[in-house]
């Protein structure tokens, strides 16, 4: 009898894992499908392949589909990345400098790139669901495009929203972003995603 029970338990565990896998991917896809705008605070870290901290920053993110966002760094020094869906500005107030480029040149590894899309994950990624950990459902995304500027992306879901995003780049450095106070489908004004250069700002690039 024991020999029959053990395989049965194993089958139940496997079934539970498969169900959890589907639940994790479904949560992320439902979040992306239902979110047209979002606002959040974030903490960001950059660590090397040995886990040594290279950079640490905090700030806010506001975004609206399609293509509009503000990624404002507050600490350790203020910087802003702003897009109106056509042009992308990277502004450093201390240097009094703004770099401008077309929106479609935004790096594929940018968190906003994933958040701005509304499509099935397996169209661009190989999708793996990982064990529930740290009160989050985890999904690993491996880009199908071999020329991608990152190797893998980890997404942590909490209460149906993205809580954590990790990116492993081709230099084995990992960007870790933790979101807080996230709200979705909020209203923004059109000016929220436009950049007006302060007087004296040195503008570089396509403008």
Protein backbone atom coordinates (compact mmCIF):
# COMPACT_ATOMS: atom_id res chain seq x y z
CA UNK A 1 0.00 0.00 0.00
CA UNK A 2 2.88 2.35 0.86
CA UNK A 3 4.33 1.98 -2.63
CA UNK A 4 1.07 3.24 -4.11
CA UNK A 5 0.75 6.16 -1.68
CA UNK A 6 4.20 7.61 -2.40
CA UNK A 7 3.68 7.94 -6.18
CA UNK A 8 0.23 9.42 -5.50
CA UNK A 9 1.72 12.04 -3.19
CA UNK A 10 4.39 12.78 -5.80
CA UNK A 11 1.71 13.28 -8.47
CA UNK A 12 -0.24 15.63 -6.21
CA UNK A 13 2.88 17.67 -5.49
CA UNK A 14 3.68 17.90 -9.21
CA UNK A 15 0.10 18.94 -9.99
CA UNK A 16 0.29 21.62 -7.30
CA UNK A 17 3.57 22.95 -8.74
CA UNK A 18 2.11 23.11 -12.25
CA UNK A 19 -0.95 24.95 -10.95
CA UNK A 20 1.33 27.39 -9.11
CA UNK A 21 3.36 27.93 -12.30
CA UNK A 22 0.23 28.84 -14.24
CA UNK A 23 -0.97 31.06 -11.43
CA UNK A 24 2.28 33.08 -11.37
CA UNK A 25 2.34 33.67 -15.11
CA UNK A 26 -1.38 34.41 -15.17
CA UNK A 27 -1.00 37.01 -12.40
CA UNK A 28 1.67 38.88 -14.35
CA UNK A 29 -0.22 38.73 -17.65
CA UNK A 30 -3.45 39.89 -16.00
CA UNK A 31 -1.60 42.77 -14.35
CA UNK A 32 -0.07 43.86 -17.66
CA UNK A 33 -3.40 43.52 -19.48
CA UNK A 34 -5.39 45.53 -16.93
CA UNK A 35 -2.86 48.29 -16.20
CA UNK A 36 -3.02 51.38 -18.41
CA UNK A 37 -1.26 53.73 -15.99
CA UNK A 38 0.68 53.29 -12.77
CA UNK A 39 2.49 55.27 -10.12
CA UNK A 40 5.01 53.92 -7.62
CA UNK A 41 8.01 54.65 -5.43
CA UNK A 42 11.07 52.49 -5.99
CA UNK A 43 14.39 51.46 -4.51
CA UNK A 44 17.03 50.36 -7.00
CA UNK A 45 20.35 48.54 -6.53
CA UNK A 46 23.09 47.53 -8.94
CA UNK A 47 25.26 44.63 -7.78
CA UNK A 48 28.15 42.88 -9.52
CA UNK A 49 28.47 39.16 -10.22
CA UNK A 50 29.89 38.63 -6.70
CA UNK A 51 26.99 40.39 -5.00
CA UNK A 52 28.93 43.58 -4.21
CA UNK A 53 26.79 46.73 -4.20
CA UNK A 54 27.85 49.16 -6.94
CA UNK A 55 25.02 51.71 -6.88
CA UNK A 56 21.91 52.42 -4.84
CA UNK A 57 19.14 54.91 -5.56
CA UNK A 58 15.51 55.78 -4.82
CA UNK A 59 12.83 57.63 -6.71
CA UNK A 60 9.40 57.54 -8.31
CA UNK A 61 7.91 56.06 -11.47
CA UNK A 62 4.84 57.29 -13.34
CA UNK A 63 3.80 55.73 -16.65
CA UNK A 64 0.96 55.70 -19.13
CA UNK A 65 0.49 53.48 -22.16
CA UNK A 66 1.58 53.77 -24.84
CA UNK A 67 5.15 54.98 -24.40
CA UNK A 68 4.76 57.71 -21.76
CA UNK A 69 6.67 57.64 -18.49
CA UNK A 70 8.70 59.57 -15.90
CA UNK A 71 11.48 57.74 -14.08
CA UNK A 72 12.63 60.30 -11.48
CA UNK A 73 15.66 59.51 -9.33
CA UNK A 74 15.67 61.46 -6.06
CA UNK A 75 18.64 59.99 -4.14
CA UNK A 76 21.61 59.95 -4.13
CA UNK A 77 21.30 62.79 -6.70
CA UNK A 78 18.39 63.95 -8.88
CA UNK A 79 18.08 62.65 -12.43
CA UNK A 80 15.06 62.15 -14.68
CA UNK A 81 14.23 59.93 -17.66
CA UNK A 82 11.09 61.20 -19.40
CA UNK A 83 9.25 59.99 -22.49
CA UNK A 84 6.22 61.35 -24.31
CA UNK A 85 6.07 58.27 -26.54
CA UNK A 86 8.10 59.90 -29.32
CA UNK A 87 11.18 61.33 -27.64
CA UNK A 88 13.17 60.20 -24.63
CA UNK A 89 14.92 62.77 -22.43
CA UNK A 90 17.61 61.93 -19.87
CA UNK A 91 18.11 64.99 -17.67
CA UNK A 92 20.82 65.60 -15.05
CA UNK A 93 20.09 68.77 -13.08
CA UNK A 94 23.55 68.92 -11.47
CA UNK A 95 25.31 68.74 -14.84
CA UNK A 96 22.61 70.97 -16.40
CA UNK A 97 22.53 68.57 -19.31
CA UNK A 98 19.77 66.73 -21.20
CA UNK A 99 20.31 63.92 -23.70
CA UNK A 100 17.51 63.41 -26.23
CA UNK A 101 16.87 60.39 -28.44
CA UNK A 102 13.95 58.70 -30.20
CA UNK A 103 11.75 56.64 -27.88
CA UNK A 104 12.28 53.48 -29.92
CA UNK A 105 15.96 53.50 -28.92
CA UNK A 106 15.06 52.74 -25.31
CA UNK A 107 16.89 49.71 -23.97
CA UNK A 108 14.91 46.48 -24.03
CA UNK A 109 16.10 45.82 -20.46
CA UNK A 110 14.27 48.86 -19.15
CA UNK A 111 11.49 47.93 -16.71
CA UNK A 112 9.19 50.34 -18.52
CA UNK A 113 9.68 48.36 -21.74
CA UNK A 114 7.96 45.34 -20.18
CA UNK A 115 5.29 47.39 -18.40
CA UNK A 116 4.41 49.29 -21.57
CA UNK A 117 3.48 46.16 -23.51
CA UNK A 118 0.25 44.19 -23.42
CA UNK A 119 0.93 40.78 -24.92
CA UNK A 120 1.44 37.17 -24.01
CA UNK A 121 4.77 36.73 -22.27
CA UNK A 122 5.74 33.67 -24.29
CA UNK A 123 5.76 35.74 -27.49
CA UNK A 124 9.09 37.30 -26.50
CA UNK A 125 10.26 35.19 -23.56
CA UNK A 126 10.77 31.65 -22.38
CA UNK A 127 8.75 31.68 -19.16
CA UNK A 128 9.53 29.80 -15.96
CA UNK A 129 7.66 30.08 -12.68
CA UNK A 130 9.78 29.78 -9.53
CA UNK A 131 8.83 28.76 -5.98
CA UNK A 132 6.82 31.15 -3.81
CA UNK A 133 9.34 33.06 -1.70
CA UNK A 134 9.52 36.27 0.35
CA UNK A 135 5.72 36.58 0.12
CA UNK A 136 5.90 36.82 -3.68
CA UNK A 137 5.08 34.69 -6.72
CA UNK A 138 8.19 34.63 -8.91
CA UNK A 139 8.49 34.39 -12.70
CA UNK A 140 11.73 34.08 -14.67
CA UNK A 141 11.78 35.48 -18.21
CA UNK A 142 14.52 34.52 -20.67
CA UNK A 143 14.51 36.65 -23.85
CA UNK A 144 14.12 34.72 -27.10
CA UNK A 145 16.03 37.45 -28.93
CA UNK A 146 19.69 36.45 -28.72
CA UNK A 147 20.74 40.09 -29.17
CA UNK A 148 18.92 41.23 -26.03
CA UNK A 149 20.97 43.36 -23.63
CA UNK A 150 19.95 41.20 -20.65
CA UNK A 151 20.18 37.47 -19.95
CA UNK A 152 17.21 37.05 -17.66
CA UNK A 153 14.52 38.94 -15.81
CA UNK A 154 12.93 37.94 -12.51
CA UNK A 155 9.51 39.33 -11.59
CA UNK A 156 8.02 39.11 -8.11
CA UNK A 157 4.23 39.44 -7.80
CA UNK A 158 2.49 40.41 -4.56
CA UNK A 159 -1.29 40.82 -4.26
CA UNK A 160 -1.63 40.83 -8.02
CA UNK A 161 0.90 43.64 -8.59
CA UNK A 162 4.57 43.73 -9.51
CA UNK A 163 6.62 44.12 -6.34
CA UNK A 164 10.13 43.27 -7.56
CA UNK A 165 12.06 43.27 -10.86
CA UNK A 166 15.59 41.90 -11.28
CA UNK A 167 17.62 42.15 -14.50
CA UNK A 168 20.82 40.18 -15.15
CA UNK A 169 22.80 41.88 -17.92
CA UNK A 170 25.46 40.49 -20.24
CA UNK A 171 28.21 41.60 -17.83
CA UNK A 172 26.60 39.52 -15.04
CA UNK A 173 25.59 42.66 -13.18
CA UNK A 174 22.15 42.59 -11.61
CA UNK A 175 19.76 45.52 -11.32
CA UNK A 176 17.28 45.00 -8.46
CA UNK A 177 14.17 47.19 -8.25
CA UNK A 178 11.65 47.05 -5.41
CA UNK A 179 8.37 48.94 -5.86
CA UNK A 180 6.36 50.47 -3.03
CA UNK A 181 3.02 52.29 -2.81
CA UNK A 182 2.05 51.21 -6.32
CA UNK A 183 -1.28 52.44 -7.61
CA UNK A 184 -2.72 51.60 -11.01
CA UNK A 185 -5.03 53.28 -13.54
CA UNK A 186 -4.57 56.74 -12.06
CA UNK A 187 -5.18 59.93 -14.06
CA UNK A 188 -2.28 62.01 -15.37
CA UNK A 189 -2.17 65.34 -17.17
CA UNK A 190 -0.54 65.58 -20.60
CA UNK A 191 2.21 67.80 -19.16
CA UNK A 192 3.28 65.01 -16.81
CA UNK A 193 5.24 63.36 -19.62
CA UNK A 194 6.68 66.42 -21.34
CA UNK A 195 10.13 67.84 -20.63
CA UNK A 196 10.82 71.56 -20.61
CA UNK A 197 14.55 72.24 -20.30
CA UNK A 198 15.45 74.86 -17.69
CA UNK A 199 17.30 77.88 -19.02
CA UNK A 200 21.00 77.15 -19.45
CA UNK A 201 20.53 73.40 -20.01
CA UNK A 202 22.92 71.88 -22.53
CA UNK A 203 20.82 69.74 -24.93
CA UNK A 204 22.58 66.84 -26.66
CA UNK A 205 21.16 64.52 -29.31
CA UNK A 206 18.13 64.32 -31.56
CA UNK A 207 15.79 67.19 -30.66
